[in-house]
Protein backbone atom coordinates (compact mmCIF):
# COMPACT_ATOMS: atom_id res chain seq x y z
CA MET A 1 38.41 67.25 -13.23
CA THR A 2 36.69 63.88 -12.93
CA SER A 3 34.71 62.48 -15.80
CA ARG A 4 31.31 60.95 -15.32
CA LYS A 5 30.86 57.27 -16.03
CA ARG A 6 29.10 56.69 -19.32
CA LEU A 7 25.88 54.82 -18.73
CA THR A 8 23.95 52.66 -21.14
CA PRO A 9 20.46 53.98 -21.98
CA GLU A 10 18.95 51.30 -19.70
CA GLU A 11 21.27 52.24 -16.81
CA SER A 12 20.49 55.92 -17.30
CA ARG A 13 16.73 55.32 -17.27
CA SER A 14 17.00 52.99 -14.28
CA SER A 15 19.09 55.51 -12.36
CA ALA A 16 16.62 58.30 -13.13
CA LEU A 17 13.64 56.19 -12.07
CA ALA A 18 15.33 55.19 -8.81
CA ALA A 19 16.03 58.88 -8.09
CA ALA A 20 12.46 59.84 -9.02
CA ARG A 21 11.08 57.16 -6.71
CA ALA A 22 13.31 58.37 -3.86
CA LEU A 23 12.16 61.97 -4.40
CA LEU A 24 8.53 60.83 -4.47
CA ILE A 25 8.89 59.03 -1.14
CA GLU A 26 11.03 61.71 0.53
CA THR A 27 9.25 64.91 -0.48
CA GLY A 28 6.13 64.06 -2.48
CA PRO A 29 5.07 63.94 -6.12
CA GLN A 30 5.47 67.68 -6.75
CA SER A 31 9.24 67.20 -6.37
CA VAL A 32 9.48 64.68 -9.21
CA THR A 33 10.75 67.11 -11.85
CA LEU A 34 13.33 66.69 -14.56
CA LYS A 35 15.54 69.26 -12.85
CA ALA A 36 15.38 67.59 -9.43
CA VAL A 37 16.01 64.12 -10.82
CA SER A 38 18.88 65.26 -13.07
CA THR A 39 20.50 67.06 -10.11
CA ARG A 40 20.17 64.00 -7.91
CA ILE A 41 21.82 61.65 -10.41
CA GLY A 42 24.39 64.14 -11.72
CA ARG A 43 23.07 64.19 -15.27
CA THR A 44 21.88 66.99 -17.46
CA HIS A 45 18.32 68.10 -17.99
CA ALA A 46 18.83 67.35 -21.69
CA ASN A 47 19.83 63.78 -20.85
CA LEU A 48 16.53 63.18 -19.08
CA LEU A 49 14.59 64.88 -21.86
CA HIS A 50 16.23 62.46 -24.26
CA HIS A 51 15.03 59.46 -22.22
CA PHE A 52 11.60 60.63 -21.10
CA GLY A 53 10.60 63.50 -23.41
CA SER A 54 9.06 65.63 -20.65
CA ALA A 55 8.28 65.76 -16.93
CA SER A 56 4.98 64.07 -17.80
CA GLY A 57 6.91 61.30 -19.57
CA LEU A 58 9.12 60.85 -16.50
CA GLN A 59 6.08 60.64 -14.23
CA LYS A 60 4.40 58.14 -16.53
CA ALA A 61 7.57 56.01 -16.58
CA LEU A 62 7.74 56.26 -12.79
CA ALA A 63 4.10 55.14 -12.50
CA GLU A 64 4.84 52.14 -14.72
CA HIS A 65 8.01 51.34 -12.76
CA LEU A 66 6.16 51.53 -9.42
CA ALA A 67 3.24 49.47 -10.69
CA ARG A 68 5.46 46.73 -12.10
CA SER A 69 7.56 46.53 -8.94
CA VAL A 70 4.51 46.48 -6.67
CA CYS A 71 2.59 43.94 -8.73
CA GLU A 72 5.54 41.55 -8.96
CA THR A 73 5.83 41.63 -5.18
CA ILE A 74 2.07 41.18 -4.70
CA ILE A 75 1.78 38.27 -7.12
CA ASP A 76 4.60 36.45 -5.32
CA ALA A 77 2.77 37.03 -2.02
CA VAL A 78 -0.56 35.82 -3.48
CA ARG A 79 1.07 32.65 -4.79
CA ALA A 80 2.75 32.05 -1.42
CA SER A 81 -0.54 32.65 0.37
CA ARG A 82 -2.38 30.20 -1.87
CA ALA A 83 0.36 27.63 -1.28
CA GLY A 84 -0.03 28.11 2.47
CA LEU A 85 3.34 29.86 2.79
CA GLY A 86 2.08 33.36 3.47
CA SER A 87 -0.91 35.14 4.90
CA ALA A 88 -3.66 37.35 3.55
CA ARG A 89 -2.37 40.10 5.84
CA GLU A 90 1.01 40.02 4.07
CA VAL A 91 -0.72 40.59 0.72
CA VAL A 92 -2.75 43.44 2.22
CA ASP A 93 0.32 45.03 3.79
CA LEU A 94 2.19 44.91 0.47
CA ALA A 95 -0.69 46.59 -1.35
CA PHE A 96 -1.27 49.23 1.32
CA ASP A 97 2.46 49.94 1.70
CA ALA A 98 2.80 50.36 -2.06
CA PHE A 99 0.22 53.12 -2.07
CA ASP A 100 1.35 54.69 1.20
CA ARG A 101 5.06 54.28 1.95
CA GLU A 102 6.13 53.64 -1.64
CA GLY A 103 4.29 56.72 -2.90
CA ALA A 104 1.87 55.24 -5.44
CA GLY A 105 -1.10 56.91 -3.72
CA ALA A 106 0.55 60.33 -3.74
CA LEU A 107 1.62 59.88 -7.35
CA THR A 108 -1.90 58.82 -8.36
CA SER A 109 -3.51 61.86 -6.74
CA TRP A 110 -0.86 64.17 -8.23
CA MET A 111 -1.50 62.79 -11.72
CA LEU A 112 -5.22 63.39 -11.33
CA LEU A 113 -4.77 66.91 -9.93
CA THR A 114 -2.39 67.95 -12.72
CA GLY A 115 -4.61 66.59 -15.48
CA ASN A 116 -2.13 63.85 -16.35
CA GLU A 117 -4.60 60.98 -16.03
CA ASP A 118 -3.01 59.02 -18.86
CA ALA A 119 0.05 58.59 -16.63
CA LEU A 120 -2.15 56.26 -14.57
CA ASP A 121 -2.60 53.92 -17.55
CA PRO A 122 0.55 51.91 -16.69
CA ILE A 123 -0.66 51.38 -13.12
CA ILE A 124 -4.09 50.22 -14.29
CA SER A 125 -2.59 48.06 -17.05
CA THR A 126 -0.09 46.43 -14.70
CA ILE A 127 -2.77 45.69 -12.11
CA HIS A 128 -4.92 44.21 -14.88
CA ASP A 129 -1.98 42.01 -15.94
CA LEU A 130 -1.53 40.94 -12.31
CA VAL A 131 -5.16 39.85 -12.09
CA ASP A 132 -4.95 38.01 -15.41
CA GLU A 133 -1.85 36.22 -14.12
CA ILE A 134 -3.71 35.05 -11.00
CA ALA A 135 -7.22 34.60 -12.43
CA PRO A 136 -6.65 31.50 -14.62
CA ASP A 137 -6.26 29.51 -11.41
CA GLU A 138 -9.89 30.26 -10.57
CA ALA A 139 -11.33 28.08 -13.32
CA SER A 140 -9.50 25.00 -12.07
CA HIS A 141 -10.83 25.59 -8.56
CA GLY A 142 -14.44 26.20 -9.56
CA SER A 143 -14.30 29.78 -8.37
CA GLN A 144 -16.90 32.32 -9.33
CA PRO A 145 -15.76 34.07 -12.55
CA GLY A 146 -14.56 37.60 -11.91
CA ARG A 147 -14.26 37.12 -8.15
CA ILE A 148 -10.55 37.87 -8.14
CA HIS A 149 -11.20 40.97 -10.25
CA GLY A 150 -13.63 42.20 -7.62
CA ASP A 151 -11.20 41.38 -4.80
CA THR A 152 -8.43 43.24 -6.59
CA LEU A 153 -10.63 46.28 -7.25
CA THR A 154 -11.65 46.42 -3.60
CA LEU A 155 -8.10 45.94 -2.31
CA VAL A 156 -6.61 48.60 -4.60
CA LEU A 157 -9.36 51.13 -3.82
CA MET A 158 -8.99 50.48 -0.09
CA ALA A 159 -5.19 50.83 -0.28
CA LEU A 160 -5.43 54.05 -2.31
CA GLY A 161 -8.08 55.56 -0.03
CA ASP A 162 -6.12 54.58 3.06
CA ALA A 163 -2.96 56.21 1.67
CA LEU A 164 -4.81 59.45 1.00
CA ILE A 165 -7.07 59.88 4.05
CA GLY A 166 -6.90 56.66 6.08
CA GLY A 167 -5.05 58.08 9.07
CA ALA A 168 -7.25 61.12 9.50
CA LEU A 169 -10.48 59.19 8.88
CA ALA A 170 -9.61 56.37 11.29
CA LYS A 171 -8.76 58.96 13.95
CA ALA A 172 -11.99 60.88 13.37
CA LEU A 173 -14.01 57.65 13.68
CA GLY A 174 -12.12 56.53 16.77
CA LEU A 175 -10.74 53.46 15.02
CA PRO A 176 -7.23 52.02 15.13
CA ARG A 177 -4.94 53.23 12.33
CA ASP A 178 -4.85 49.78 10.73
CA ALA A 179 -8.64 49.33 10.69
CA ALA A 180 -8.80 49.40 6.87
CA ARG A 181 -6.01 46.83 6.66
CA GLU A 182 -7.90 44.59 9.07
CA ARG A 183 -11.05 44.81 6.93
CA ALA A 184 -9.08 44.12 3.73
CA THR A 185 -7.43 41.12 5.42
CA ALA A 186 -10.80 39.71 6.46
CA MET A 187 -12.06 40.10 2.88
CA LEU A 188 -9.03 38.27 1.46
CA GLU A 189 -9.17 35.53 4.07
CA ALA A 190 -12.81 34.86 3.19
CA SER A 191 -11.92 34.85 -0.49
CA LEU A 192 -8.98 32.48 0.05
CA ALA A 193 -11.21 30.14 2.08
CA GLU A 194 -13.72 30.08 -0.78
CA TYR A 195 -10.86 29.46 -3.25
CA GLU A 196 -9.58 26.51 -1.21
CA GLN A 197 -13.06 24.97 -0.96
CA GLY A 198 -13.57 25.32 -4.75
């Protein structure tokens, strides 16, 4: 009989969130249950209850984890883009991929459908923190106040909508699959040009 390695509370939570994220990407948000996650990481249901309190608590923690990870990546890309080291398309791709391939879009719609809207609070809060991190630069460049907030709102809504129905809608309209990404890129490029002139 082999004994399981004793994990610290942080390691246990991190392991559970990594498994939950993998389940989300592989089989969708409905599969992110305490039972499925505990089975995947070889822990007990009680262990996960201890760390998250409920399936809703696990999903809320997953939403926060996804949002933080995505926003950290996006803010690095925005900084690189502003420094001339990256492109607007890279920022767009990161945002769109977060909602599509990384499962944030599916998780968002699942939270809304199951009446667990408060689980979206961490995503909204983290995106707000991202904008506040970037926005102070606007004042020193003479940018229009709130412009970056509007750009962020548009980008997030476009990425979420694209994750949910982008493929089918683009096909129905006879547009290339990446048409929404192209439009988002054009918006950001125009915004970056205005930022650089300010």
